[in-house]
C-alpha atoms as a PDB file:
ATOM      1  CA  MET A   1      -3.774  32.122  20.428  1.00  0.00           C
ATOM      2  CA  ASN A   2      -7.107  30.881  21.683  1.00  0.00           C
ATOM      3  CA  ALA A   3      -7.210  28.338  24.500  1.00  0.00           C
ATOM      4  CA  GLU A   4      -8.423  25.492  22.281  1.00  0.00           C
ATOM      5  CA  THR A   5      -5.544  25.894  19.827  1.00  0.00           C
ATOM      6  CA  ALA A   6      -3.010  26.263  22.644  1.00  0.00           C
ATOM      7  CA  MET A   7      -4.089  22.949  24.152  1.00  0.00           C
ATOM      8  CA  ASN A   8      -3.287  21.156  20.910  1.00  0.00           C
ATOM      9  CA  PHE A   9       0.439  21.879  20.899  1.00  0.00           C
ATOM     10  CA  GLY A  10       1.150  23.681  24.155  1.00  0.00           C
ATOM     11  CA  LYS A  11       3.467  26.661  24.138  1.00  0.00           C
ATOM     12  CA  ASN A  12       6.076  25.014  21.893  1.00  0.00           C
ATOM     13  CA  ILE A  13       6.345  23.640  18.336  1.00  0.00           C
ATOM     14  CA  ILE A  14       8.339  20.435  18.784  1.00  0.00           C
ATOM     15  CA  SER A  15       6.666  17.735  16.700  1.00  0.00           C
ATOM     16  CA  VAL A  16       3.693  17.249  14.414  1.00  0.00           C
ATOM     17  CA  ARG A  17       2.740  14.436  16.798  1.00  0.00           C
ATOM     18  CA  ASP A  18       1.696  17.196  19.219  1.00  0.00           C
ATOM     19  CA  MET A  19      -0.812  18.568  16.700  1.00  0.00           C
ATOM     20  CA  ASP A  20      -4.062  17.551  15.069  1.00  0.00           C
ATOM     21  CA  ARG A  21      -5.946  18.535  11.934  1.00  0.00           C
ATOM     22  CA  LYS A  22      -7.717  21.480  13.543  1.00  0.00           C
ATOM     23  CA  THR A  23      -4.466  22.931  14.870  1.00  0.00           C
ATOM     24  CA  ILE A  24      -2.724  22.582  11.502  1.00  0.00           C
ATOM     25  CA  GLU A  25      -5.626  24.203   9.669  1.00  0.00           C
ATOM     26  CA  HIS A  26      -5.557  27.099  12.141  1.00  0.00           C
ATOM     27  CA  ILE A  27      -1.823  27.640  11.551  1.00  0.00           C
ATOM     28  CA  LEU A  28      -2.220  27.510   7.763  1.00  0.00           C
ATOM     29  CA  LEU A  29      -5.140  29.949   7.860  1.00  0.00           C
ATOM     30  CA  THR A  30      -3.028  32.298   9.971  1.00  0.00           C
ATOM     31  CA  ALA A  31      -0.230  32.026   7.386  1.00  0.00           C
ATOM     32  CA  LYS A  32      -2.708  32.924   4.634  1.00  0.00           C
ATOM     33  CA  ASN A  33      -4.006  35.901   6.606  1.00  0.00           C
ATOM     34  CA  ILE A  34      -0.465  37.149   7.252  1.00  0.00           C
ATOM     35  CA  GLU A  35       0.509  36.714   3.603  1.00  0.00           C
ATOM     36  CA  GLU A  36      -2.463  38.843   2.561  1.00  0.00           C
ATOM     37  CA  MET A  37      -1.779  41.493   5.210  1.00  0.00           C
ATOM     38  CA  PRO A  38      -0.236  44.832   4.153  1.00  0.00           C
ATOM     39  CA  LYS A  39       3.488  44.947   4.962  1.00  0.00           C
ATOM     40  CA  ASN A  40       3.167  48.063   7.105  1.00  0.00           C
ATOM     41  CA  LYS A  41       0.549  46.334   9.262  1.00  0.00           C
ATOM     42  CA  ARG A  42       2.296  43.002   9.804  1.00  0.00           C
ATOM     43  CA  ILE A  43       5.636  44.605  10.712  1.00  0.00           C
ATOM     44  CA  GLU A  44       3.908  46.147  13.730  1.00  0.00           C
ATOM     45  CA  LEU A  45       2.517  42.831  15.001  1.00  0.00           C
ATOM     46  CA  ALA A  46       5.484  41.792  17.160  1.00  0.00           C
ATOM     47  CA  LYS A  47       7.463  45.013  17.423  1.00  0.00           C
ATOM     48  CA  GLY A  48       9.577  45.008  20.573  1.00  0.00           C
ATOM     49  CA  TYR A  49       9.862  41.215  20.807  1.00  0.00           C
ATOM     50  CA  THR A  50      13.164  39.336  20.473  1.00  0.00           C
ATOM     51  CA  VAL A  51      13.650  35.960  18.765  1.00  0.00           C
ATOM     52  CA  ALA A  52      16.751  33.865  19.519  1.00  0.00           C
ATOM     53  CA  SER A  53      17.911  31.874  16.490  1.00  0.00           C
ATOM     54  CA  LEU A  54      20.095  28.999  17.761  1.00  0.00           C
ATOM     55  CA  PHE A  55      21.411  26.837  14.923  1.00  0.00           C
ATOM     56  CA  PHE A  56      23.804  24.216  16.259  1.00  0.00           C
ATOM     57  CA  GLU A  57      24.224  22.790  12.745  1.00  0.00           C
ATOM     58  CA  PRO A  58      24.328  24.441   9.301  1.00  0.00           C
ATOM     59  CA  SER A  59      21.192  25.709   7.612  1.00  0.00           C
ATOM     60  CA  THR A  60      20.381  28.080   4.790  1.00  0.00           C
ATOM     61  CA  ARG A  61      16.656  28.145   3.981  1.00  0.00           C
ATOM     62  CA  THR A  62      15.336  27.381   7.472  1.00  0.00           C
ATOM     63  CA  MET A  63      17.585  29.887   9.229  1.00  0.00           C
ATOM     64  CA  LEU A  64      17.112  32.656   6.663  1.00  0.00           C
ATOM     65  CA  SER A  65      13.352  32.181   6.448  1.00  0.00           C
ATOM     66  CA  PHE A  66      12.972  32.242  10.238  1.00  0.00           C
ATOM     67  CA  ASP A  67      15.112  35.385  10.459  1.00  0.00           C
ATOM     68  CA  THR A  68      13.071  36.973   7.670  1.00  0.00           C
ATOM     69  CA  ALA A  69       9.808  35.898   9.287  1.00  0.00           C
ATOM     70  CA  ALA A  70      10.789  37.381  12.655  1.00  0.00           C
ATOM     71  CA  LYS A  71      11.957  40.668  11.127  1.00  0.00           C
ATOM     72  CA  ASN A  72       8.839  40.903   8.940  1.00  0.00           C
ATOM     73  CA  LEU A  73       6.822  40.867  12.173  1.00  0.00           C
ATOM     74  CA  GLY A  74       8.984  43.609  13.677  1.00  0.00           C
ATOM     75  CA  CYS A  75      11.036  41.345  15.980  1.00  0.00           C
ATOM     76  CA  SER A  76      14.727  41.723  16.755  1.00  0.00           C
ATOM     77  CA  VAL A  77      16.817  38.593  16.074  1.00  0.00           C
ATOM     78  CA  ILE A  78      19.814  37.362  18.067  1.00  0.00           C
ATOM     79  CA  GLY A  79      21.671  34.057  17.964  1.00  0.00           C
ATOM     80  CA  PHE A  80      24.276  31.989  16.148  1.00  0.00           C
ATOM     81  CA  SER A  81      24.832  29.584  13.255  1.00  0.00           C
ATOM     82  CA  GLY A  82      27.366  26.910  14.150  1.00  0.00           C
ATOM     83  CA  THR A  83      28.987  26.624  17.564  1.00  0.00           C
ATOM     84  CA  GLU A  84      32.582  27.646  16.815  1.00  0.00           C
ATOM     85  CA  SER A  85      32.296  31.055  18.479  1.00  0.00           C
ATOM     86  CA  THR A  86      29.970  30.034  21.321  1.00  0.00           C
ATOM     87  CA  SER A  87      30.363  28.676  24.836  1.00  0.00           C
ATOM     88  CA  VAL A  88      29.230  25.282  23.533  1.00  0.00           C
ATOM     89  CA  LYS A  89      32.832  24.842  22.372  1.00  0.00           C
ATOM     90  CA  LYS A  90      33.893  25.390  25.989  1.00  0.00           C
ATOM     91  CA  GLY A  91      31.646  22.571  27.156  1.00  0.00           C
ATOM     92  CA  GLU A  92      28.483  24.463  28.049  1.00  0.00           C
ATOM     93  CA  THR A  93      25.496  22.108  28.254  1.00  0.00           C
ATOM     94  CA  LEU A  94      22.444  22.446  26.058  1.00  0.00           C
ATOM     95  CA  ALA A  95      20.317  23.186  29.127  1.00  0.00           C
ATOM     96  CA  ASP A  96      22.535  26.089  30.166  1.00  0.00           C
ATOM     97  CA  THR A  97      22.652  27.507  26.648  1.00  0.00           C
ATOM     98  CA  ILE A  98      18.859  27.451  26.519  1.00  0.00           C
ATOM     99  CA  ARG A  99      18.505  29.034  29.956  1.00  0.00           C
ATOM    100  CA  MET A 100      20.838  31.810  28.848  1.00  0.00           C
ATOM    101  CA  ALA A 101      19.047  32.385  25.530  1.00  0.00           C
ATOM    102  CA  SER A 102      15.610  32.379  27.138  1.00  0.00           C
ATOM    103  CA  ALA A 103      16.770  35.128  29.504  1.00  0.00           C
ATOM    104  CA  TYR A 104      17.553  37.314  26.485  1.00  0.00           C
ATOM    105  CA  SER A 105      14.558  36.557  24.258  1.00  0.00           C
ATOM    106  CA  ASP A 106      10.814  36.010  24.003  1.00  0.00           C
ATOM    107  CA  LEU A 107      11.021  32.924  21.768  1.00  0.00           C
ATOM    108  CA  ILE A 108      13.736  30.471  20.688  1.00  0.00           C
ATOM    109  CA  VAL A 109      14.106  28.844  17.272  1.00  0.00           C
ATOM    110  CA  MET A 110      16.520  25.911  17.510  1.00  0.00           C
ATOM    111  CA  ARG A 111      18.168  23.429  15.159  1.00  0.00           C
ATOM    112  CA  HIS A 112      20.293  20.694  16.691  1.00  0.00           C
ATOM    113  CA  PRO A 113      21.933  17.505  15.332  1.00  0.00           C
ATOM    114  CA  LEU A 114      20.691  15.311  18.198  1.00  0.00           C
ATOM    115  CA  GLU A 115      17.243  13.726  18.108  1.00  0.00           C
ATOM    116  CA  GLY A 116      15.046  14.922  20.946  1.00  0.00           C
ATOM    117  CA  ALA A 117      17.170  18.007  21.663  1.00  0.00           C
ATOM    118  CA  SER A 118      14.296  20.436  21.108  1.00  0.00           C
ATOM    119  CA  ARG A 119      12.046  18.667  23.579  1.00  0.00           C
ATOM    120  CA  ARG A 120      14.835  18.661  26.160  1.00  0.00           C
ATOM    121  CA  ALA A 121      15.314  22.366  25.514  1.00  0.00           C
ATOM    122  CA  ALA A 122      11.597  23.010  26.029  1.00  0.00           C
ATOM    123  CA  ASN A 123      11.811  21.400  29.462  1.00  0.00           C
ATOM    124  CA  VAL A 124      14.204  24.089  30.723  1.00  0.00           C
ATOM    125  CA  SER A 125      13.268  27.128  28.640  1.00  0.00           C
ATOM    126  CA  ALA A 126      11.337  30.026  30.112  1.00  0.00           C
ATOM    127  CA  VAL A 127      10.075  30.992  26.627  1.00  0.00           C
ATOM    128  CA  PRO A 128       8.510  29.049  23.721  1.00  0.00           C
ATOM    129  CA  ILE A 129      10.734  26.754  21.654  1.00  0.00           C
ATOM    130  CA  ILE A 130      10.299  26.107  17.925  1.00  0.00           C
ATOM    131  CA  ASN A 131      12.044  22.994  16.653  1.00  0.00           C
ATOM    132  CA  ALA A 132      13.819  23.884  13.392  1.00  0.00           C
ATOM    133  CA  GLY A 133      15.037  20.293  12.990  1.00  0.00           C
ATOM    134  CA  ASP A 134      16.533  17.803  15.437  1.00  0.00           C
ATOM    135  CA  GLY A 135      18.754  15.208  13.817  1.00  0.00           C
ATOM    136  CA  ALA A 136      16.833  12.708  11.693  1.00  0.00           C
ATOM    137  CA  ASN A 137      13.822  13.035  13.980  1.00  0.00           C
ATOM    138  CA  GLN A 138      11.358  15.875  13.278  1.00  0.00           C
ATOM    139  CA  HIS A 139      11.150  19.079  11.237  1.00  0.00           C
ATOM    140  CA  PRO A 140       7.642  20.356  12.029  1.00  0.00           C
ATOM    141  CA  THR A 141       7.962  23.831  10.506  1.00  0.00           C
ATOM    142  CA  GLN A 142       9.140  22.338   7.198  1.00  0.00           C
ATOM    143  CA  THR A 143       6.072  20.105   7.297  1.00  0.00           C
ATOM    144  CA  LEU A 144       3.771  23.054   7.877  1.00  0.00           C
ATOM    145  CA  LEU A 145       5.210  24.982   4.937  1.00  0.00           C
ATOM    146  CA  ASP A 146       4.970  21.793   2.855  1.00  0.00           C
ATOM    147  CA  LEU A 147       1.286  21.468   3.758  1.00  0.00           C
ATOM    148  CA  TYR A 148       0.749  25.148   2.993  1.00  0.00           C
ATOM    149  CA  THR A 149       2.360  24.616  -0.416  1.00  0.00           C
ATOM    150  CA  ILE A 150       0.230  21.554  -1.157  1.00  0.00           C
ATOM    151  CA  LEU A 151      -2.927  23.371  -0.036  1.00  0.00           C
ATOM    152  CA  LYS A 152      -2.185  26.366  -2.255  1.00  0.00           C
ATOM    153  CA  SER A 153      -1.342  24.097  -5.189  1.00  0.00           C
ATOM    154  CA  LYS A 154      -4.123  21.518  -4.888  1.00  0.00           C
ATOM    155  CA  GLY A 155      -6.786  23.425  -2.950  1.00  0.00           C
ATOM    156  CA  THR A 156      -7.117  20.584  -0.434  1.00  0.00           C
ATOM    157  CA  LEU A 157      -5.181  18.326   1.930  1.00  0.00           C
ATOM    158  CA  ASP A 158      -7.596  15.419   1.484  1.00  0.00           C
ATOM    159  CA  ASN A 159      -7.858  12.672  -1.175  1.00  0.00           C
ATOM    160  CA  LEU A 160      -4.273  13.031  -2.397  1.00  0.00           C
ATOM    161  CA  THR A 161      -1.578  10.573  -3.432  1.00  0.00           C
ATOM    162  CA  ILE A 162       1.834  11.760  -2.267  1.00  0.00           C
ATOM    163  CA  ALA A 163       5.011   9.982  -3.330  1.00  0.00           C
ATOM    164  CA  LEU A 164       8.036  10.363  -1.027  1.00  0.00           C
ATOM    165  CA  ALA A 165      11.328   9.574  -2.753  1.00  0.00           C
ATOM    166  CA  GLY A 166      14.986   9.336  -1.742  1.00  0.00           C
ATOM    167  CA  ASP A 167      16.271   9.225   1.829  1.00  0.00           C
ATOM    168  CA  LEU A 168      13.276   8.039   3.829  1.00  0.00           C
ATOM    169  CA  LYS A 169      15.388   6.634   6.680  1.00  0.00           C
ATOM    170  CA  TYR A 170      17.182   9.793   7.825  1.00  0.00           C
ATOM    171  CA  GLY A 171      14.901  12.355   6.182  1.00  0.00           C
ATOM    172  CA  ARG A 172      13.230  14.237   9.024  1.00  0.00           C
ATOM    173  CA  THR A 173      11.136  16.202   6.511  1.00  0.00           C
ATOM    174  CA  VAL A 174       9.412  13.065   5.183  1.00  0.00           C
ATOM    175  CA  HIS A 175       8.949  11.642   8.688  1.00  0.00           C
ATOM    176  CA  SER A 176       7.069  14.748   9.813  1.00  0.00           C
ATOM    177  CA  LEU A 177       5.117  15.093   6.571  1.00  0.00           C
ATOM    178  CA  ALA A 178       3.946  11.474   6.661  1.00  0.00           C
ATOM    179  CA  HIS A 179       2.570  11.982  10.177  1.00  0.00           C
ATOM    180  CA  ALA A 180       0.833  15.229   9.267  1.00  0.00           C
ATOM    181  CA  LEU A 181      -0.822  13.821   6.148  1.00  0.00           C
ATOM    182  CA  SER A 182      -2.299  11.006   8.245  1.00  0.00           C
ATOM    183  CA  PHE A 183      -4.464  13.613  10.033  1.00  0.00           C
ATOM    184  CA  PHE A 184      -6.367  14.242   6.795  1.00  0.00           C
ATOM    185  CA  ASN A 185      -8.863  12.094   4.884  1.00  0.00           C
ATOM    186  CA  ASN A 186      -8.266   9.439   2.209  1.00  0.00           C
ATOM    187  CA  ASN A 187      -4.631  10.240   1.500  1.00  0.00           C
ATOM    188  CA  LYS A 188      -2.166   7.659   0.206  1.00  0.00           C
ATOM    189  CA  LEU A 189       1.612   7.602   0.665  1.00  0.00           C
ATOM    190  CA  LEU A 190       3.945   5.996  -1.866  1.00  0.00           C
ATOM    191  CA  PHE A 191       7.449   5.191  -0.592  1.00  0.00           C
ATOM    192  CA  ILE A 192      10.373   5.207  -3.044  1.00  0.00           C
ATOM    193  CA  ALA A 193      13.779   4.445  -1.516  1.00  0.00           C
ATOM    194  CA  PRO A 194      16.792   2.152  -1.843  1.00  0.00           C
ATOM    195  CA  LYS A 195      16.772  -0.757   0.619  1.00  0.00           C
ATOM    196  CA  ALA A 196      19.301   0.919   2.933  1.00  0.00           C
ATOM    197  CA  LEU A 197      17.220   4.112   3.168  1.00  0.00           C
ATOM    198  CA  GLU A 198      13.677   2.793   3.503  1.00  0.00           C
ATOM    199  CA  MET A 199      11.137   4.425   5.807  1.00  0.00           C
ATOM    200  CA  PRO A 200      11.777   3.226   9.395  1.00  0.00           C
ATOM    201  CA  GLU A 201       9.615   0.287  10.418  1.00  0.00           C
ATOM    202  CA  ASP A 202       8.515   1.935  13.666  1.00  0.00           C
ATOM    203  CA  LEU A 203       7.206   4.935  11.747  1.00  0.00           C
ATOM    204  CA  ILE A 204       5.321   2.707   9.309  1.00  0.00           C
ATOM    205  CA  ALA A 205       3.816   0.920  12.312  1.00  0.00           C
ATOM    206  CA  GLU A 206       2.661   4.273  13.717  1.00  0.00           C
ATOM    207  CA  LEU A 207       0.968   5.106  10.425  1.00  0.00           C
ATOM    208  CA  ASP A 208      -0.758   1.728  10.167  1.00  0.00           C
ATOM    209  CA  GLY A 209      -4.511   2.177  10.121  1.00  0.00           C
ATOM    210  CA  LYS A 210      -4.213   5.963   9.820  1.00  0.00           C
ATOM    211  CA  ILE A 211      -3.140   6.301   6.186  1.00  0.00           C
ATOM    212  CA  GLU A 212      -2.592   3.910   3.281  1.00  0.00           C
ATOM    213  CA  THR A 213       1.073   3.275   2.439  1.00  0.00           C
ATOM    214  CA  LYS A 214       2.791   1.396  -0.364  1.00  0.00           C
ATOM    215  CA  GLU A 215       6.359   0.814  -1.530  1.00  0.00           C
ATOM    216  CA  THR A 216       6.823   1.412  -5.243  1.00  0.00           C
ATOM    217  CA  THR A 217       9.156   2.700  -7.955  1.00  0.00           C
ATOM    218  CA  ILE A 218       9.472   6.264  -9.175  1.00  0.00           C
ATOM    219  CA  THR A 219       8.250   5.231 -12.632  1.00  0.00           C
ATOM    220  CA  GLU A 220       5.052   3.751 -11.221  1.00  0.00           C
ATOM    221  CA  ALA A 221       4.537   6.591  -8.753  1.00  0.00           C
ATOM    222  CA  LEU A 222       4.599   9.216 -11.488  1.00  0.00           C
ATOM    223  CA  LYS A 223       1.501   7.654 -13.031  1.00  0.00           C
ATOM    224  CA  SER A 224      -0.738   8.195  -9.996  1.00  0.00           C
ATOM    225  CA  ALA A 225       0.869  10.773  -7.692  1.00  0.00           C
ATOM    226  CA  ASP A 226      -0.521  14.266  -7.174  1.00  0.00           C
ATOM    227  CA  ILE A 227       2.701  15.270  -5.419  1.00  0.00           C
ATOM    228  CA  LEU A 228       6.204  13.859  -5.895  1.00  0.00           C
ATOM    229  CA  TYR A 229       8.299  14.864  -2.888  1.00  0.00           C
ATOM    230  CA  MET A 230      11.964  14.350  -3.724  1.00  0.00           C
ATOM    231  CA  THR A 231      14.729  14.346  -1.096  1.00  0.00           C
ATOM    232  CA  ARG A 232      18.510  14.229  -1.332  1.00  0.00           C
ATOM    233  CA  ILE A 233      20.699  11.433  -0.042  1.00  0.00           C
ATOM    234  CA  GLN A 234      22.136  13.165   3.029  1.00  0.00           C
ATOM    235  CA  LYS A 235      25.914  12.807   3.109  1.00  0.00           C
ATOM    236  CA  GLU A 236      26.117  14.196   6.657  1.00  0.00           C
ATOM    237  CA  ARG A 237      24.000  11.321   8.035  1.00  0.00           C
ATOM    238  CA  PHE A 238      26.456   8.612   6.913  1.00  0.00           C
ATOM    239  CA  LEU A 239      29.317   7.371   9.074  1.00  0.00           C
ATOM    240  CA  ASP A 240      30.787   5.498   6.101  1.00  0.00           C
ATOM    241  CA  PRO A 241      31.579   7.798   3.102  1.00  0.00           C
ATOM    242  CA  GLN A 242      31.723   4.764   0.805  1.00  0.00           C
ATOM    243  CA  GLU A 243      28.149   3.839   1.649  1.00  0.00           C
ATOM    244  CA  TYR A 244      27.050   7.357   0.732  1.00  0.00           C
ATOM    245  CA  GLU A 245      28.865   7.204  -2.611  1.00  0.00           C
ATOM    246  CA  GLN A 246      27.133   3.910  -3.419  1.00  0.00           C
ATOM    247  CA  LEU A 247      23.685   5.406  -2.783  1.00  0.00           C
ATOM    248  CA  ARG A 248      23.995   8.956  -4.111  1.00  0.00           C
ATOM    249  CA  GLY A 249      22.300   9.452  -7.459  1.00  0.00           C
ATOM    250  CA  THR A 250      19.985   6.471  -6.928  1.00  0.00           C
ATOM    251  CA  TYR A 251      17.055   8.580  -8.108  1.00  0.00           C
ATOM    252  CA  VAL A 252      17.361  11.421 -10.596  1.00  0.00           C
ATOM    253  CA  LEU A 253      14.174  13.071 -11.855  1.00  0.00           C
ATOM    254  CA  THR A 254      14.479  14.323 -15.429  1.00  0.00           C
ATOM    255  CA  LYS A 255      12.178  16.335 -17.680  1.00  0.00           C
ATOM    256  CA  ASP A 256      11.639  13.320 -19.933  1.00  0.00           C
ATOM    257  CA  MET A 257      10.302  11.273 -17.020  1.00  0.00           C
ATOM    258  CA  LEU A 258       7.559  13.840 -16.440  1.00  0.00           C
ATOM    259  CA  GLU A 259       6.051  13.111 -19.851  1.00  0.00           C
ATOM    260  CA  ASN A 260       4.406  10.022 -18.346  1.00  0.00           C
ATOM    261  CA  ALA A 261       3.323  11.747 -15.147  1.00  0.00           C
ATOM    262  CA  LYS A 262      -0.247  12.192 -13.970  1.00  0.00           C
ATOM    263  CA  LYS A 263      -1.763  15.440 -15.203  1.00  0.00           C
ATOM    264  CA  GLY A 264      -1.273  18.167 -12.605  1.00  0.00           C
ATOM    265  CA  LEU A 265       1.602  16.422 -10.807  1.00  0.00           C
ATOM    266  CA  LYS A 266       3.639  18.855  -8.714  1.00  0.00           C
ATOM    267  CA  VAL A 267       7.250  18.222  -7.728  1.00  0.00           C
ATOM    268  CA  MET A 268       8.421  19.341  -4.291  1.00  0.00           C
ATOM    269  CA  HIS A 269      11.790  19.220  -2.522  1.00  0.00           C
ATOM    270  CA  PRO A 270      12.833  20.578   0.905  1.00  0.00           C
ATOM    271  CA  LEU A 271      16.158  21.698  -0.623  1.00  0.00           C
ATOM    272  CA  PRO A 272      19.082  21.823  -0.948  1.00  0.00           C
ATOM    273  CA  ARG A 273      19.151  19.479  -3.907  1.00  0.00           C
ATOM    274  CA  VAL A 274      22.303  17.803  -5.129  1.00  0.00           C
ATOM    275  CA  ASP A 275      21.665  15.743  -8.263  1.00  0.00           C
ATOM    276  CA  GLU A 276      18.247  14.185  -7.604  1.00  0.00           C
ATOM    277  CA  ILE A 277      16.325  16.708  -9.735  1.00  0.00           C
ATOM    278  CA  SER A 278      17.754  17.759 -13.082  1.00  0.00           C
ATOM    279  CA  THR A 279      17.858  21.547 -13.519  1.00  0.00           C
ATOM    280  CA  GLU A 280      15.828  21.151 -16.719  1.00  0.00           C
ATOM    281  CA  VAL A 281      12.828  20.319 -14.499  1.00  0.00           C
ATOM    282  CA  ASP A 282      12.971  23.825 -12.974  1.00  0.00           C
ATOM    283  CA  SER A 283      11.238  25.444 -15.936  1.00  0.00           C
ATOM    284  CA  THR A 284       8.351  22.957 -16.086  1.00  0.00           C
ATOM    285  CA  GLU A 285       4.883  23.629 -14.680  1.00  0.00           C
ATOM    286  CA  ASN A 286       5.422  20.639 -12.391  1.00  0.00           C
ATOM    287  CA  ALA A 287       8.211  22.233 -10.355  1.00  0.00           C
ATOM    288  CA  ILE A 288       7.075  24.128  -7.258  1.00  0.00           C
ATOM    289  CA  TYR A 289      10.077  23.606  -4.941  1.00  0.00           C
ATOM    290  CA  PHE A 290      11.265  27.216  -5.086  1.00  0.00           C
ATOM    291  CA  THR A 291       7.725  28.420  -4.338  1.00  0.00           C
ATOM    292  CA  GLN A 292       7.734  25.862  -1.525  1.00  0.00           C
ATOM    293  CA  ALA A 293      10.850  27.466  -0.020  1.00  0.00           C
ATOM    294  CA  LYS A 294       9.279  30.921  -0.311  1.00  0.00           C
ATOM    295  CA  ASN A 295       6.207  29.680   1.576  1.00  0.00           C
ATOM    296  CA  GLY A 296       8.439  29.127   4.591  1.00  0.00           C
ATOM    297  CA  VAL A 297       8.283  32.830   5.446  1.00  0.00           C
ATOM    298  CA  PRO A 298       4.502  33.294   5.938  1.00  0.00           C
ATOM    299  CA  THR A 299       4.220  29.871   7.602  1.00  0.00           C
ATOM    300  CA  ARG A 300       6.960  30.676  10.110  1.00  0.00           C
ATOM    301  CA  MET A 301       5.558  34.168  10.616  1.00  0.00           C
ATOM    302  CA  ALA A 302       2.289  32.511  11.619  1.00  0.00           C
ATOM    303  CA  LEU A 303       4.013  30.260  14.160  1.00  0.00           C
ATOM    304  CA  ILE A 304       5.971  33.114  15.717  1.00  0.00           C
ATOM    305  CA  ALA A 305       2.874  35.331  15.887  1.00  0.00           C
ATOM    306  CA  LEU A 306       0.746  32.585  17.463  1.00  0.00           C
ATOM    307  CA  LEU A 307       3.338  31.583  20.056  1.00  0.00           C
ATOM    308  CA  LEU A 308       3.992  35.209  21.015  1.00  0.00           C
ATOM    309  CA  GLY A 309       0.244  35.717  21.310  1.00  0.00           C
ATOM    310  CA  VAL A 310       0.104  38.661  18.901  1.00  0.00           C
ATOM    311  CA  MET A 311      -2.350  36.742  16.695  1.00  0.00           C
ATOM    312  CA  LYS A 312      -5.171  34.469  17.814  1.00  0.00           C
END
């Protein structure tokens, strides 16, 4: 990693707020270069390095793609998914767990249910930390793979209308993506959410003056959006199960609805989906959410390679 890039997010990947346009473009270019690299060459890039994968809460795509990314670079992977068989169940503090893991590895990938946990971990870690999601706060690596997907699909990250639909209150993916898109030129964000799950006011205030935002309906958004980014109503974020049941299924995208969509509209989703996108949408040219998930591997390979210093 060159000195200029390093200054823009330090030695850790904690939040898109720590980045800027130039840094993001450098990461995405690195992902492209890695994706085009012969397999036998890229698997030698980080041979001998160890990545600790610490997932304090469940994950499928993020954990598997990080493990795949690390192994594709030649790294060994250690760690855990869930805390049942770890010393966390015995009362070990986050700081001590991180100190232990950093003694055994060259880089730590961490998901944690508490907001701000990754930044606290970075304060005590002897090795780089990558935030793989901290509560409803930030999910920077998801944002980077989302941007990579949009760039590959649209050829640009400027002059786009992106509609964000579903859980905008607790959805860390949309929080991070909204911030990142504000670094680019002439983009517009359309917010589609039930009253109880609207985008947080403090986040909207942060975006004020940086990117145009508007609350709308899914029907109206389909007419002008280049990207429709669907999210699920997250059951695990609700203390009251009844409240969740009242809100689930608020938005369901069907194939028929896409007939009135803007030409070239692409539908994205961080996955897993529940019932917010009908399976009949999967076969349309609009659906790119499975490609989006696949793009997590080269994007996360780029981050690991840059933080380990094996690519510049």
